[in-house]
Amino acid sequence: MCLVMTVEPGLGGQKLIPETLDKVRALKKYIDENDIDIDIEVDGGINSDTIEKAKTAGANIFVIGTAIVDNEDIEEAIESFRK
């Protein structure tokens, strides 16, 4: 697995830094071109607005913290991300 931090490490609740998705795209391209079997995980600023952008960039594992724990219905939030 390769982890790409999409915020400055440290504090929860930060906004995803859009330029970090360029790193995900470049990594995904390298993986595909070299036929490497590895997951790309993104951590930071993942929410209902950014998860699809990260997925489109090539990530397939998502660390979601604040977008879940700040939700009134945690189970519903988790289920919505699974879809």
PDB file of N, CA and C in Angstrom:
ATOM      1  N   MET A   1       0.843  -1.172   0.000  1.00  0.00           N
ATOM      2  CA  MET A   1       0.000   0.000   0.000  1.00  0.00           C
ATOM      3  C   MET A   1       0.887   1.234   0.000  1.00  0.00           C
ATOM      4  N   CYS A   2       0.418   2.244  -0.725  1.00  0.00           N
ATOM      5  CA  CYS A   2       1.103   3.526  -0.722  1.00  0.00           C
ATOM      6  C   CYS A   2       0.135   4.568  -0.186  1.00  0.00           C
ATOM      7  N   LEU A   3       0.541   5.279   0.850  1.00  0.00           N
ATOM      8  CA  LEU A   3      -0.287   6.302   1.478  1.00  0.00           C
ATOM      9  C   LEU A   3       0.113   7.675   0.955  1.00  0.00           C
ATOM     10  N   VAL A   4      -0.894   8.428   0.508  1.00  0.00           N
ATOM     11  CA  VAL A   4      -0.674   9.814   0.100  1.00  0.00           C
ATOM     12  C   VAL A   4      -1.436  10.687   1.089  1.00  0.00           C
ATOM     13  N   MET A   5      -0.712  11.517   1.809  1.00  0.00           N
ATOM     14  CA  MET A   5      -1.348  12.459   2.720  1.00  0.00           C
ATOM     15  C   MET A   5      -1.904  13.610   1.883  1.00  0.00           C
ATOM     16  N   THR A   6      -3.191  13.890   2.069  1.00  0.00           N
ATOM     17  CA  THR A   6      -3.846  14.916   1.270  1.00  0.00           C
ATOM     18  C   THR A   6      -4.111  16.189   2.075  1.00  0.00           C
ATOM     19  N   VAL A   7      -3.499  16.261   3.256  1.00  0.00           N
ATOM     20  CA  VAL A   7      -3.478  17.457   4.109  1.00  0.00           C
ATOM     21  C   VAL A   7      -2.111  17.499   4.783  1.00  0.00           C
ATOM     22  N   GLU A   8      -1.833  18.584   5.484  1.00  0.00           N
ATOM     23  CA  GLU A   8      -0.640  18.632   6.317  1.00  0.00           C
ATOM     24  C   GLU A   8      -0.912  17.743   7.536  1.00  0.00           C
ATOM     25  N   PRO A   9      -0.074  16.750   7.802  1.00  0.00           N
ATOM     26  CA  PRO A   9      -0.323  15.850   8.939  1.00  0.00           C
ATOM     27  C   PRO A   9      -0.446  16.619  10.252  1.00  0.00           C
ATOM     28  N   GLY A  10      -1.375  16.159  11.082  1.00  0.00           N
ATOM     29  CA  GLY A  10      -1.506  16.757  12.395  1.00  0.00           C
ATOM     30  C   GLY A  10      -2.941  16.890  12.854  1.00  0.00           C
ATOM     31  N   LEU A  11      -3.588  17.944  12.440  1.00  0.00           N
ATOM     32  CA  LEU A  11      -4.915  18.255  12.935  1.00  0.00           C
ATOM     33  C   LEU A  11      -6.018  17.676  12.060  1.00  0.00           C
ATOM     34  N   GLY A  12      -7.048  17.146  12.695  1.00  0.00           N
ATOM     35  CA  GLY A  12      -8.207  16.663  11.971  1.00  0.00           C
ATOM     36  C   GLY A  12      -9.063  17.819  11.491  1.00  0.00           C
ATOM     37  N   GLY A  13      -9.892  17.555  10.494  1.00  0.00           N
ATOM     38  CA  GLY A  13     -10.826  18.555  10.007  1.00  0.00           C
ATOM     39  C   GLY A  13     -10.272  19.506   8.966  1.00  0.00           C
ATOM     40  N   GLN A  14      -9.068  19.240   8.472  1.00  0.00           N
ATOM     41  CA  GLN A  14      -8.481  20.105   7.453  1.00  0.00           C
ATOM     42  C   GLN A  14      -9.132  19.852   6.094  1.00  0.00           C
ATOM     43  N   LYS A  15      -8.996  20.834   5.207  1.00  0.00           N
ATOM     44  CA  LYS A  15      -9.485  20.681   3.845  1.00  0.00           C
ATOM     45  C   LYS A  15      -8.427  19.987   3.001  1.00  0.00           C
ATOM     46  N   LEU A  16      -8.882  19.132   2.109  1.00  0.00           N
ATOM     47  CA  LEU A  16      -7.991  18.437   1.186  1.00  0.00           C
ATOM     48  C   LEU A  16      -7.226  19.461   0.352  1.00  0.00           C
ATOM     49  N   ILE A  17      -5.945  19.242   0.192  1.00  0.00           N
ATOM     50  CA  ILE A  17      -5.113  20.099  -0.652  1.00  0.00           C
ATOM     51  C   ILE A  17      -5.234  19.547  -2.077  1.00  0.00           C
ATOM     52  N   PRO A  18      -5.901  20.282  -2.981  1.00  0.00           N
ATOM     53  CA  PRO A  18      -6.189  19.752  -4.322  1.00  0.00           C
ATOM     54  C   PRO A  18      -4.957  19.256  -5.084  1.00  0.00           C
ATOM     55  N   GLU A  19      -3.827  19.917  -4.901  1.00  0.00           N
ATOM     56  CA  GLU A  19      -2.604  19.521  -5.622  1.00  0.00           C
ATOM     57  C   GLU A  19      -2.114  18.133  -5.243  1.00  0.00           C
ATOM     58  N   THR A  20      -2.520  17.643  -4.074  1.00  0.00           N
ATOM     59  CA  THR A  20      -2.086  16.302  -3.673  1.00  0.00           C
ATOM     60  C   THR A  20      -2.703  15.234  -4.570  1.00  0.00           C
ATOM     61  N   LEU A  21      -3.835  15.552  -5.200  1.00  0.00           N
ATOM     62  CA  LEU A  21      -4.443  14.582  -6.109  1.00  0.00           C
ATOM     63  C   LEU A  21      -3.611  14.404  -7.372  1.00  0.00           C
ATOM     64  N   ASP A  22      -2.780  15.415  -7.711  1.00  0.00           N
ATOM     65  CA  ASP A  22      -1.830  15.251  -8.816  1.00  0.00           C
ATOM     66  C   ASP A  22      -0.838  14.140  -8.490  1.00  0.00           C
ATOM     67  N   LYS A  23      -0.435  14.054  -7.225  1.00  0.00           N
ATOM     68  CA  LYS A  23       0.470  12.987  -6.789  1.00  0.00           C
ATOM     69  C   LYS A  23      -0.209  11.624  -6.925  1.00  0.00           C
ATOM     70  N   VAL A  24      -1.485  11.574  -6.573  1.00  0.00           N
ATOM     71  CA  VAL A  24      -2.231  10.316  -6.695  1.00  0.00           C
ATOM     72  C   VAL A  24      -2.312   9.910  -8.160  1.00  0.00           C
ATOM     73  N   ARG A  25      -2.622  10.866  -9.044  1.00  0.00           N
ATOM     74  CA  ARG A  25      -2.704  10.559 -10.482  1.00  0.00           C
ATOM     75  C   ARG A  25      -1.367  10.051 -11.024  1.00  0.00           C
ATOM     76  N   ALA A  26      -0.282  10.715 -10.643  1.00  0.00           N
ATOM     77  CA  ALA A  26       1.046  10.303 -11.107  1.00  0.00           C
ATOM     78  C   ALA A  26       1.400   8.918 -10.578  1.00  0.00           C
ATOM     79  N   LEU A  27       1.082   8.664  -9.331  1.00  0.00           N
ATOM     80  CA  LEU A  27       1.339   7.353  -8.738  1.00  0.00           C
ATOM     81  C   LEU A  27       0.531   6.272  -9.443  1.00  0.00           C
ATOM     82  N   LYS A  28      -0.748   6.548  -9.690  1.00  0.00           N
ATOM     83  CA  LYS A  28      -1.612   5.584 -10.366  1.00  0.00           C
ATOM     84  C   LYS A  28      -1.082   5.283 -11.767  1.00  0.00           C
ATOM     85  N   LYS A  29      -0.640   6.305 -12.469  1.00  0.00           N
ATOM     86  CA  LYS A  29      -0.074   6.117 -13.813  1.00  0.00           C
ATOM     87  C   LYS A  29       1.163   5.221 -13.750  1.00  0.00           C
ATOM     88  N   TYR A  30       2.044   5.494 -12.792  1.00  0.00           N
ATOM     89  CA  TYR A  30       3.256   4.682 -12.634  1.00  0.00           C
ATOM     90  C   TYR A  30       2.903   3.230 -12.322  1.00  0.00           C
ATOM     91  N   ILE A  31       1.955   3.036 -11.430  1.00  0.00           N
ATOM     92  CA  ILE A  31       1.522   1.688 -11.052  1.00  0.00           C
ATOM     93  C   ILE A  31       0.975   0.939 -12.261  1.00  0.00           C
ATOM     94  N   ASP A  32       0.127   1.616 -13.025  1.00  0.00           N
ATOM     95  CA  ASP A  32      -0.464   0.979 -14.205  1.00  0.00           C
ATOM     96  C   ASP A  32       0.582   0.671 -15.267  1.00  0.00           C
ATOM     97  N   GLU A  33       1.465   1.609 -15.523  1.00  0.00           N
ATOM     98  CA  GLU A  33       2.495   1.423 -16.551  1.00  0.00           C
ATOM     99  C   GLU A  33       3.472   0.307 -16.203  1.00  0.00           C
ATOM    100  N   ASN A  34       3.660   0.065 -14.918  1.00  0.00           N
ATOM    101  CA  ASN A  34       4.626  -0.936 -14.483  1.00  0.00           C
ATOM    102  C   ASN A  34       3.970  -2.199 -13.935  1.00  0.00           C
ATOM    103  N   ASP A  35       2.660  -2.297 -14.122  1.00  0.00           N
ATOM    104  CA  ASP A  35       1.898  -3.482 -13.732  1.00  0.00           C
ATOM    105  C   ASP A  35       2.200  -3.897 -12.288  1.00  0.00           C
ATOM    106  N   ILE A  36       2.084  -2.941 -11.390  1.00  0.00           N
ATOM    107  CA  ILE A  36       2.342  -3.166  -9.969  1.00  0.00           C
ATOM    108  C   ILE A  36       1.007  -3.374  -9.259  1.00  0.00           C
ATOM    109  N   ASP A  37       0.945  -4.354  -8.395  1.00  0.00           N
ATOM    110  CA  ASP A  37      -0.268  -4.635  -7.626  1.00  0.00           C
ATOM    111  C   ASP A  37      -0.136  -3.993  -6.256  1.00  0.00           C
ATOM    112  N   ILE A  38      -0.684  -2.792  -6.118  1.00  0.00           N
ATOM    113  CA  ILE A  38      -0.581  -2.049  -4.863  1.00  0.00           C
ATOM    114  C   ILE A  38      -1.789  -1.120  -4.735  1.00  0.00           C
ATOM    115  N   ASP A  39      -2.254  -0.934  -3.512  1.00  0.00           N
ATOM    116  CA  ASP A  39      -3.354  -0.017  -3.238  1.00  0.00           C
ATOM    117  C   ASP A  39      -2.810   1.395  -3.045  1.00  0.00           C
ATOM    118  N   ILE A  40      -3.659   2.376  -3.361  1.00  0.00           N
ATOM    119  CA  ILE A  40      -3.342   3.775  -3.089  1.00  0.00           C
ATOM    120  C   ILE A  40      -4.354   4.266  -2.054  1.00  0.00           C
ATOM    121  N   GLU A  41      -3.841   4.668  -0.902  1.00  0.00           N
ATOM    122  CA  GLU A  41      -4.668   5.153   0.191  1.00  0.00           C
ATOM    123  C   GLU A  41      -4.480   6.658   0.323  1.00  0.00           C
ATOM    124  N   VAL A  42      -5.586   7.384   0.527  1.00  0.00           N
ATOM    125  CA  VAL A  42      -5.503   8.822   0.770  1.00  0.00           C
ATOM    126  C   VAL A  42      -6.015   9.110   2.171  1.00  0.00           C
ATOM    127  N   ASP A  43      -5.369  10.068   2.816  1.00  0.00           N
ATOM    128  CA  ASP A  43      -5.695  10.389   4.206  1.00  0.00           C
ATOM    129  C   ASP A  43      -5.679  11.898   4.381  1.00  0.00           C
ATOM    130  N   GLY A  44      -6.854  12.444   4.684  1.00  0.00           N
ATOM    131  CA  GLY A  44      -6.944  13.860   5.002  1.00  0.00           C
ATOM    132  C   GLY A  44      -7.917  14.599   4.117  1.00  0.00           C
ATOM    133  N   GLY A  45      -8.911  15.215   4.744  1.00  0.00           N
ATOM    134  CA  GLY A  45      -9.859  16.031   4.007  1.00  0.00           C
ATOM    135  C   GLY A  45     -10.829  15.248   3.139  1.00  0.00           C
ATOM    136  N   ILE A  46     -10.970  13.959   3.431  1.00  0.00           N
ATOM    137  CA  ILE A  46     -11.884  13.146   2.634  1.00  0.00           C
ATOM    138  C   ILE A  46     -13.290  13.293   3.218  1.00  0.00           C
ATOM    139  N   ASN A  47     -14.201  13.734   2.372  1.00  0.00           N
ATOM    140  CA  ASN A  47     -15.603  13.910   2.758  1.00  0.00           C
ATOM    141  C   ASN A  47     -16.475  13.619   1.548  1.00  0.00           C
ATOM    142  N   SER A  48     -17.758  13.906   1.649  1.00  0.00           N
ATOM    143  CA  SER A  48     -18.669  13.577   0.547  1.00  0.00           C
ATOM    144  C   SER A  48     -18.368  14.382  -0.714  1.00  0.00           C
ATOM    145  N   ASP A  49     -17.705  15.520  -0.582  1.00  0.00           N
ATOM    146  CA  ASP A  49     -17.346  16.330  -1.746  1.00  0.00           C
ATOM    147  C   ASP A  49     -16.029  15.914  -2.387  1.00  0.00           C
ATOM    148  N   THR A  50     -15.125  15.326  -1.611  1.00  0.00           N
ATOM    149  CA  THR A  50     -13.779  15.047  -2.130  1.00  0.00           C
ATOM    150  C   THR A  50     -13.514  13.576  -2.431  1.00  0.00           C
ATOM    151  N   ILE A  51     -14.337  12.683  -1.912  1.00  0.00           N
ATOM    152  CA  ILE A  51     -14.045  11.261  -2.077  1.00  0.00           C
ATOM    153  C   ILE A  51     -14.062  10.847  -3.547  1.00  0.00           C
ATOM    154  N   GLU A  52     -15.007  11.369  -4.311  1.00  0.00           N
ATOM    155  CA  GLU A  52     -15.087  11.001  -5.727  1.00  0.00           C
ATOM    156  C   GLU A  52     -13.890  11.547  -6.501  1.00  0.00           C
ATOM    157  N   LYS A  53     -13.419  12.736  -6.137  1.00  0.00           N
ATOM    158  CA  LYS A  53     -12.230  13.311  -6.781  1.00  0.00           C
ATOM    159  C   LYS A  53     -11.011  12.434  -6.509  1.00  0.00           C
ATOM    160  N   ALA A  54     -10.886  11.973  -5.267  1.00  0.00           N
ATOM    161  CA  ALA A  54      -9.753  11.113  -4.908  1.00  0.00           C
ATOM    162  C   ALA A  54      -9.851   9.767  -5.623  1.00  0.00           C
ATOM    163  N   LYS A  55     -11.057   9.251  -5.730  1.00  0.00           N
ATOM    164  CA  LYS A  55     -11.263   7.977  -6.426  1.00  0.00           C
ATOM    165  C   LYS A  55     -10.927   8.123  -7.907  1.00  0.00           C
ATOM    166  N   THR A  56     -11.397   9.189  -8.515  1.00  0.00           N
ATOM    167  CA  THR A  56     -11.111   9.439  -9.933  1.00  0.00           C
ATOM    168  C   THR A  56      -9.612   9.602 -10.166  1.00  0.00           C
ATOM    169  N   ALA A  57      -8.916  10.184  -9.202  1.00  0.00           N
ATOM    170  CA  ALA A  57      -7.459  10.360  -9.319  1.00  0.00           C
ATOM    171  C   ALA A  57      -6.718   9.029  -9.246  1.00  0.00           C
ATOM    172  N   GLY A  58      -7.355   8.003  -8.632  1.00  0.00           N
ATOM    173  CA  GLY A  58      -6.713   6.690  -8.579  1.00  0.00           C
ATOM    174  C   GLY A  58      -6.681   6.033  -7.220  1.00  0.00           C
ATOM    175  N   ALA A  59      -7.116   6.727  -6.190  1.00  0.00           N
ATOM    176  CA  ALA A  59      -7.115   6.131  -4.851  1.00  0.00           C
ATOM    177  C   ALA A  59      -8.209   5.074  -4.745  1.00  0.00           C
ATOM    178  N   ASN A  60      -7.933   4.038  -3.954  1.00  0.00           N
ATOM    179  CA  ASN A  60      -8.954   3.001  -3.742  1.00  0.00           C
ATOM    180  C   ASN A  60      -9.163   2.683  -2.261  1.00  0.00           C
ATOM    181  N   ILE A  61      -8.426   3.358  -1.388  1.00  0.00           N
ATOM    182  CA  ILE A  61      -8.637   3.243   0.058  1.00  0.00           C
ATOM    183  C   ILE A  61      -8.667   4.664   0.608  1.00  0.00           C
ATOM    184  N   PHE A  62      -9.658   4.935   1.473  1.00  0.00           N
ATOM    185  CA  PHE A  62      -9.891   6.296   1.948  1.00  0.00           C
ATOM    186  C   PHE A  62      -9.957   6.318   3.470  1.00  0.00           C
ATOM    187  N   VAL A  63      -9.151   7.182   4.084  1.00  0.00           N
ATOM    188  CA  VAL A  63      -9.224   7.393   5.523  1.00  0.00           C
ATOM    189  C   VAL A  63     -10.190   8.558   5.728  1.00  0.00           C
ATOM    190  N   ILE A  64     -11.295   8.269   6.425  1.00  0.00           N
ATOM    191  CA  ILE A  64     -12.327   9.280   6.642  1.00  0.00           C
ATOM    192  C   ILE A  64     -12.530   9.413   8.146  1.00  0.00           C
ATOM    193  N   GLY A  65     -12.219  10.573   8.667  1.00  0.00           N
ATOM    194  CA  GLY A  65     -12.348  10.788  10.108  1.00  0.00           C
ATOM    195  C   GLY A  65     -13.441  11.775  10.440  1.00  0.00           C
ATOM    196  N   THR A  66     -13.142  13.042  10.314  1.00  0.00           N
ATOM    197  CA  THR A  66     -14.049  14.105  10.721  1.00  0.00           C
ATOM    198  C   THR A  66     -15.402  14.015  10.025  1.00  0.00           C
ATOM    199  N   ALA A  67     -15.408  13.664   8.748  1.00  0.00           N
ATOM    200  CA  ALA A  67     -16.671  13.580   8.005  1.00  0.00           C
ATOM    201  C   ALA A  67     -17.600  12.506   8.572  1.00  0.00           C
ATOM    202  N   ILE A  68     -17.036  11.588   9.340  1.00  0.00           N
ATOM    203  CA  ILE A  68     -17.868  10.563   9.980  1.00  0.00           C
ATOM    204  C   ILE A  68     -18.184  10.963  11.419  1.00  0.00           C
ATOM    205  N   VAL A  69     -17.173  11.273  12.198  1.00  0.00           N
ATOM    206  CA  VAL A  69     -17.409  11.509  13.625  1.00  0.00           C
ATOM    207  C   VAL A  69     -18.166  12.800  13.907  1.00  0.00           C
ATOM    208  N   ASP A  70     -18.146  13.753  12.994  1.00  0.00           N
ATOM    209  CA  ASP A  70     -18.905  14.989  13.184  1.00  0.00           C
ATOM    210  C   ASP A  70     -20.351  14.855  12.708  1.00  0.00           C
ATOM    211  N   ASN A  71     -20.714  13.706  12.182  1.00  0.00           N
ATOM    212  CA  ASN A  71     -22.058  13.460  11.695  1.00  0.00           C
ATOM    213  C   ASN A  71     -22.948  13.025  12.854  1.00  0.00           C
ATOM    214  N   GLU A  72     -24.190  13.483  12.863  1.00  0.00           N
ATOM    215  CA  GLU A  72     -25.111  13.098  13.936  1.00  0.00           C
ATOM    216  C   GLU A  72     -25.389  11.603  13.936  1.00  0.00           C
ATOM    217  N   ASP A  73     -25.448  11.007  12.750  1.00  0.00           N
ATOM    218  CA  ASP A  73     -25.707   9.569  12.626  1.00  0.00           C
ATOM    219  C   ASP A  73     -24.471   8.908  12.009  1.00  0.00           C
ATOM    220  N   ILE A  74     -23.584   8.445  12.861  1.00  0.00           N
ATOM    221  CA  ILE A  74     -22.305   7.889  12.407  1.00  0.00           C
ATOM    222  C   ILE A  74     -22.515   6.681  11.499  1.00  0.00           C
ATOM    223  N   GLU A  75     -23.432   5.803  11.868  1.00  0.00           N
ATOM    224  CA  GLU A  75     -23.668   4.616  11.043  1.00  0.00           C
ATOM    225  C   GLU A  75     -24.159   4.995   9.647  1.00  0.00           C
ATOM    226  N   GLU A  76     -25.033   5.968   9.574  1.00  0.00           N
ATOM    227  CA  GLU A  76     -25.530   6.436   8.272  1.00  0.00           C
ATOM    228  C   GLU A  76     -24.393   7.050   7.453  1.00  0.00           C
ATOM    229  N   ALA A  77     -23.533   7.809   8.110  1.00  0.00           N
ATOM    230  CA  ALA A  77     -22.399   8.428   7.418  1.00  0.00           C
ATOM    231  C   ALA A  77     -21.480   7.361   6.848  1.00  0.00           C
ATOM    232  N   ILE A  78     -21.185   6.346   7.631  1.00  0.00           N
ATOM    233  CA  ILE A  78     -20.319   5.251   7.159  1.00  0.00           C
ATOM    234  C   ILE A  78     -20.955   4.568   5.964  1.00  0.00           C
ATOM    235  N   GLU A  79     -22.239   4.281   6.052  1.00  0.00           N
ATOM    236  CA  GLU A  79     -22.933   3.599   4.966  1.00  0.00           C
ATOM    237  C   GLU A  79     -22.943   4.444   3.693  1.00  0.00           C
ATOM    238  N   SER A  80     -23.103   5.756   3.826  1.00  0.00           N
ATOM    239  CA  SER A  80     -23.124   6.609   2.639  1.00  0.00           C
ATOM    240  C   SER A  80     -21.759   6.603   1.939  1.00  0.00           C
ATOM    241  N   PHE A  81     -20.672   6.517   2.699  1.00  0.00           N
ATOM    242  CA  PHE A  81     -19.340   6.454   2.091  1.00  0.00           C
ATOM    243  C   PHE A  81     -19.099   5.098   1.434  1.00  0.00           C
ATOM    244  N   ARG A  82     -19.664   4.067   1.966  1.00  0.00           N
ATOM    245  CA  ARG A  82     -19.493   2.724   1.371  1.00  0.00           C
ATOM    246  C   ARG A  82     -20.130   2.636  -0.009  1.00  0.00           C
ATOM    247  N   LYS A  83     -21.166   3.424  -0.238  1.00  0.00           N
ATOM    248  CA  LYS A  83     -21.836   3.431  -1.541  1.00  0.00           C
ATOM    249  C   LYS A  83     -20.986   4.140  -2.550  1.00  0.00           C
TER     250      LYS A  83
END
